[in-house]
Amino acid sequence: MDLPSTIARPVDHELVVKKSRFLAHLAPATTVAAADAVIARRRKELWDARHHCVALVLGTHAAGTPRTARSSDDGEPSGTAGVPMLEVLRHREVTDVVAVVTRYFGGVKLGAGGLVRAYSGAVAAALDVAATSGAMLRRELLYEVEVPVPHADAGRIDNLLRDWASGHGAVMEPPSYGSVAHLRLLVPRAELDALTADVAAASAGALLPDVGDARVVDVPVPARRP
């Protein structure tokens, strides 16, 4: 299942067009309340700016979860700010993100087309910053897997699973300990058979992974070269 990406932390970028400054601020937000808090904070921090235009997309877009999308021109001519910003978020396939672009007027009117290019360009450039700084998260549907291992073999199997996970798009989770060690990881559906085979080979058939439920997981994306 293809899911939209998101960001791990706030990202900022400044675009200057004919002396007008467009300060783009992207922040992670999973609820409307969280997005509203980001918007209110930017308004307070940059209180002397003329416009604080907004676009947000919320929702994992998995298992039938609906997505929420909103935008605001905040006094700019209708359709020249919020909607172009929102279209960039949609086109880049990101979610659980709020974008606020604050404008300081430079004295030169840009016209409708110029405003559309400036507001959309500011958000696009901020997303590029996120990609090149390692702030992007890839959202995936992964399966919870537990491998019960005798304590005597836990260290060896743990190292094997960590190496395996790095090459198969899986994510290790913290283990738990009882009468045996319970090693846990999150695995793509397409890799479940390979995991079972590799664990069996490493243990002479003594160990069998226990596959549980699927859940949406945010996986860090390596920084892209500028």
Protein backbone atom coordinates (compact mmCIF):
# COMPACT_ATOMS: atom_id res chain seq x y z
CA MET A 1 0.00 0.00 0.00
CA ASP A 2 1.45 3.37 -1.02
CA LEU A 3 1.11 5.94 1.76
CA PRO A 4 1.99 9.63 1.77
CA SER A 5 5.19 10.78 3.44
CA THR A 6 5.49 13.20 6.35
CA ILE A 7 8.17 15.20 8.19
CA ALA A 8 9.92 14.46 11.45
CA ARG A 9 10.54 18.03 12.59
CA PRO A 10 9.85 21.68 11.64
CA VAL A 11 11.56 23.05 8.53
CA ASP A 12 12.04 26.68 7.46
CA HIS A 13 12.94 28.40 4.22
CA GLU A 14 12.97 32.04 3.11
CA LEU A 15 12.17 33.11 -0.45
CA VAL A 16 12.66 36.71 -1.61
CA VAL A 17 10.73 37.92 -4.65
CA LYS A 18 11.00 41.59 -5.71
CA LYS A 19 11.88 42.60 -2.15
CA SER A 20 8.92 40.75 -0.61
CA ARG A 21 10.01 38.09 1.89
CA PHE A 22 8.11 34.80 2.02
CA LEU A 23 8.99 32.84 5.17
CA ALA A 24 7.86 29.22 4.82
CA HIS A 25 7.46 27.15 7.96
CA LEU A 26 6.49 23.48 7.77
CA ALA A 27 5.70 21.53 10.92
CA PRO A 28 4.41 18.03 11.70
CA ALA A 29 0.81 17.95 12.93
CA THR A 30 -1.51 14.98 13.32
CA THR A 31 -4.61 16.90 14.48
CA VAL A 32 -6.34 20.14 13.58
CA ALA A 33 -5.66 21.38 17.12
CA ALA A 34 -1.92 20.77 16.70
CA ALA A 35 -1.94 22.55 13.34
CA ASP A 36 -3.85 25.50 14.82
CA ALA A 37 -1.24 25.74 17.60
CA VAL A 38 1.55 25.97 15.00
CA ILE A 39 -0.33 28.68 13.11
CA ALA A 40 -1.01 30.67 16.29
CA ARG A 41 2.63 30.45 17.32
CA ARG A 42 3.84 31.77 13.96
CA ARG A 43 1.36 34.64 14.12
CA LYS A 44 2.66 35.53 17.57
CA GLU A 45 6.34 35.21 16.64
CA LEU A 46 5.98 37.21 13.40
CA TRP A 47 3.28 39.58 14.61
CA ASP A 48 4.38 42.45 12.37
CA ALA A 49 3.89 40.58 9.08
CA ARG A 50 1.05 41.40 6.71
CA HIS A 51 -0.05 37.85 5.84
CA HIS A 52 0.21 34.36 7.35
CA CYS A 53 -1.12 32.02 4.66
CA VAL A 54 -1.83 28.40 5.53
CA ALA A 55 -2.22 24.96 4.02
CA LEU A 56 -2.52 21.67 5.89
CA VAL A 57 -3.09 18.01 5.12
CA LEU A 58 -3.86 15.56 7.92
CA GLY A 59 -4.54 11.81 8.01
CA THR A 60 -2.56 8.65 7.36
CA HIS A 61 -4.67 7.76 4.29
CA ALA A 62 -4.59 4.12 5.39
CA ALA A 63 -7.32 1.61 6.24
CA GLY A 64 -10.05 3.99 5.11
CA THR A 65 -8.90 6.88 7.30
CA PRO A 66 -10.12 10.12 5.69
CA ARG A 67 -7.73 12.99 5.06
CA THR A 68 -8.37 16.57 6.12
CA ALA A 69 -7.17 19.38 3.86
CA ARG A 70 -7.55 23.10 4.51
CA SER A 71 -6.08 26.36 3.26
CA SER A 72 -6.28 30.10 3.91
CA ASP A 73 -5.22 33.12 1.85
CA ASP A 74 -5.22 35.35 4.97
CA GLY A 75 -6.02 38.54 3.10
CA GLU A 76 -4.16 37.83 -0.14
CA PRO A 77 -6.30 37.79 -3.32
CA SER A 78 -8.49 34.70 -3.37
CA GLY A 79 -6.75 31.61 -4.72
CA THR A 80 -3.26 33.11 -4.84
CA ALA A 81 -1.76 31.64 -1.64
CA GLY A 82 -3.46 28.90 0.39
CA VAL A 83 -4.69 26.75 -2.49
CA PRO A 84 -1.37 26.83 -4.41
CA MET A 85 0.40 25.90 -1.15
CA LEU A 86 -2.05 23.04 -0.64
CA GLU A 87 -1.51 21.79 -4.18
CA VAL A 88 2.23 21.52 -3.52
CA LEU A 89 1.60 19.38 -0.42
CA ARG A 90 -0.75 17.17 -2.42
CA HIS A 91 1.57 16.91 -5.41
CA ARG A 92 4.52 15.99 -3.17
CA GLU A 93 2.28 13.41 -1.45
CA VAL A 94 2.88 14.52 2.13
CA THR A 95 0.46 14.42 5.03
CA ASP A 96 0.23 15.31 8.72
CA VAL A 97 1.92 18.58 7.79
CA VAL A 98 0.92 22.22 8.25
CA ALA A 99 2.55 24.89 6.09
CA VAL A 100 2.54 28.56 7.09
CA VAL A 101 4.02 31.10 4.70
CA THR A 102 4.45 34.55 6.21
CA ARG A 103 4.83 37.49 3.84
CA TYR A 104 6.60 40.75 4.48
CA PHE A 105 5.59 43.12 1.67
CA GLY A 106 8.54 44.65 -0.15
CA GLY A 107 6.71 47.52 -1.82
CA VAL A 108 6.37 45.95 -5.28
CA LYS A 109 3.08 44.31 -6.29
CA LEU A 110 3.58 40.83 -7.70
CA GLY A 111 0.20 40.27 -9.36
CA ALA A 112 -1.88 37.13 -9.03
CA GLY A 113 0.50 34.95 -11.00
CA GLY A 114 3.50 36.20 -9.08
CA LEU A 115 1.82 35.49 -5.75
CA VAL A 116 0.87 31.96 -6.81
CA ARG A 117 4.46 31.23 -7.86
CA ALA A 118 5.89 32.77 -4.68
CA TYR A 119 3.65 30.97 -2.19
CA SER A 120 3.82 27.62 -3.94
CA GLY A 121 7.56 28.02 -4.53
CA ALA A 122 8.20 28.77 -0.86
CA VAL A 123 6.47 25.55 0.23
CA ALA A 124 8.19 23.49 -2.48
CA ALA A 125 11.58 24.86 -1.45
CA ALA A 126 10.87 24.08 2.22
CA LEU A 127 10.03 20.49 1.28
CA ASP A 128 13.33 20.33 -0.63
CA VAL A 129 15.09 21.46 2.55
CA ALA A 130 13.32 18.68 4.44
CA ALA A 131 14.51 16.13 1.88
CA THR A 132 18.13 17.30 1.87
CA SER A 133 18.34 17.62 5.67
CA GLY A 134 17.00 14.16 6.49
CA ALA A 135 13.72 15.46 7.93
CA MET A 136 11.47 13.35 5.70
CA LEU A 137 9.73 10.23 6.95
CA ARG A 138 8.52 7.43 4.70
CA ARG A 139 5.18 6.09 5.94
CA GLU A 140 4.74 2.34 5.53
CA LEU A 141 2.40 -0.47 6.55
CA LEU A 142 4.62 -2.94 8.44
CA TYR A 143 3.84 -6.16 10.29
CA GLU A 144 4.72 -6.72 13.93
CA VAL A 145 6.95 -9.78 14.23
CA GLU A 146 8.26 -11.41 17.39
CA VAL A 147 11.02 -14.01 17.53
CA PRO A 148 11.19 -15.91 20.86
CA VAL A 149 14.84 -16.85 21.47
CA PRO A 150 16.57 -18.71 24.36
CA HIS A 151 18.69 -16.30 26.37
CA ALA A 152 21.88 -18.13 25.41
CA ASP A 153 21.27 -17.32 21.73
CA ALA A 154 19.70 -13.88 22.13
CA GLY A 155 22.82 -11.84 21.39
CA ARG A 156 23.67 -13.73 18.22
CA ILE A 157 20.13 -13.70 16.85
CA ASP A 158 19.68 -10.03 17.80
CA ASN A 159 22.76 -9.10 15.75
CA LEU A 160 21.52 -11.24 12.86
CA LEU A 161 18.08 -9.56 12.91
CA ARG A 162 19.60 -6.08 13.02
CA ASP A 163 21.70 -6.81 9.97
CA TRP A 164 18.72 -8.43 8.26
CA ALA A 165 16.44 -5.47 9.01
CA SER A 166 18.85 -2.95 7.49
CA GLY A 167 18.78 -4.81 4.18
CA HIS A 168 15.06 -5.61 4.01
CA GLY A 169 13.29 -2.36 4.87
CA ALA A 170 12.44 -3.56 8.38
CA VAL A 171 12.68 -1.74 11.71
CA MET A 172 13.93 -3.21 14.99
CA GLU A 173 11.91 -2.55 18.13
CA PRO A 174 13.04 -2.87 21.78
CA PRO A 175 13.12 -6.49 22.98
CA SER A 176 11.42 -7.82 26.09
CA TYR A 177 12.65 -10.53 28.42
CA GLY A 178 10.91 -13.30 30.34
CA SER A 179 11.60 -17.00 30.33
CA VAL A 180 13.04 -16.32 26.85
CA ALA A 181 14.11 -13.21 24.98
CA HIS A 182 11.39 -11.76 22.75
CA LEU A 183 13.11 -10.00 19.84
CA ARG A 184 10.75 -7.72 17.93
CA LEU A 185 10.79 -6.02 14.57
CA LEU A 186 8.46 -4.46 12.01
CA VAL A 187 8.58 -6.05 8.56
CA PRO A 188 7.09 -5.29 5.11
CA ARG A 189 4.61 -7.91 3.95
CA ALA A 190 6.81 -8.83 0.98
CA GLU A 191 9.72 -9.70 3.30
CA LEU A 192 7.88 -11.96 5.78
CA ASP A 193 8.70 -15.22 3.95
CA ALA A 194 12.36 -14.21 3.65
CA LEU A 195 12.51 -13.50 7.38
CA THR A 196 11.04 -16.88 8.24
CA ALA A 197 13.51 -18.65 5.96
CA ASP A 198 16.55 -16.71 7.21
CA VAL A 199 15.66 -17.20 10.89
CA ALA A 200 15.14 -20.92 10.29
CA ALA A 201 18.49 -21.18 8.52
CA ALA A 202 20.30 -19.35 11.34
CA SER A 203 18.77 -21.58 14.01
CA ALA A 204 18.74 -24.94 12.22
CA GLY A 205 14.95 -24.72 12.15
CA ALA A 206 14.61 -24.19 15.90
CA LEU A 207 13.19 -20.65 15.75
CA LEU A 208 9.98 -19.47 14.08
CA PRO A 209 8.91 -15.81 13.81
CA ASP A 210 5.42 -15.03 15.11
CA VAL A 211 3.66 -12.54 12.77
CA GLY A 212 1.15 -10.19 14.35
CA ASP A 213 -0.90 -7.20 13.25
CA ALA A 214 0.05 -4.57 10.68
CA ARG A 215 0.48 -0.94 11.63
CA VAL A 216 1.49 2.32 9.96
CA VAL A 217 5.08 3.23 10.78
CA ASP A 218 7.12 6.34 9.99
CA VAL A 219 10.56 5.33 8.71
CA PRO A 220 13.39 7.91 8.39
CA VAL A 221 14.45 8.69 4.82
CA PRO A 222 18.20 9.22 4.22
CA ALA A 223 19.06 12.83 3.38
CA ARG A 224 18.98 13.52 -0.33
CA ARG A 225 21.90 15.34 -1.92
CA PRO A 226 21.04 18.98 -2.71
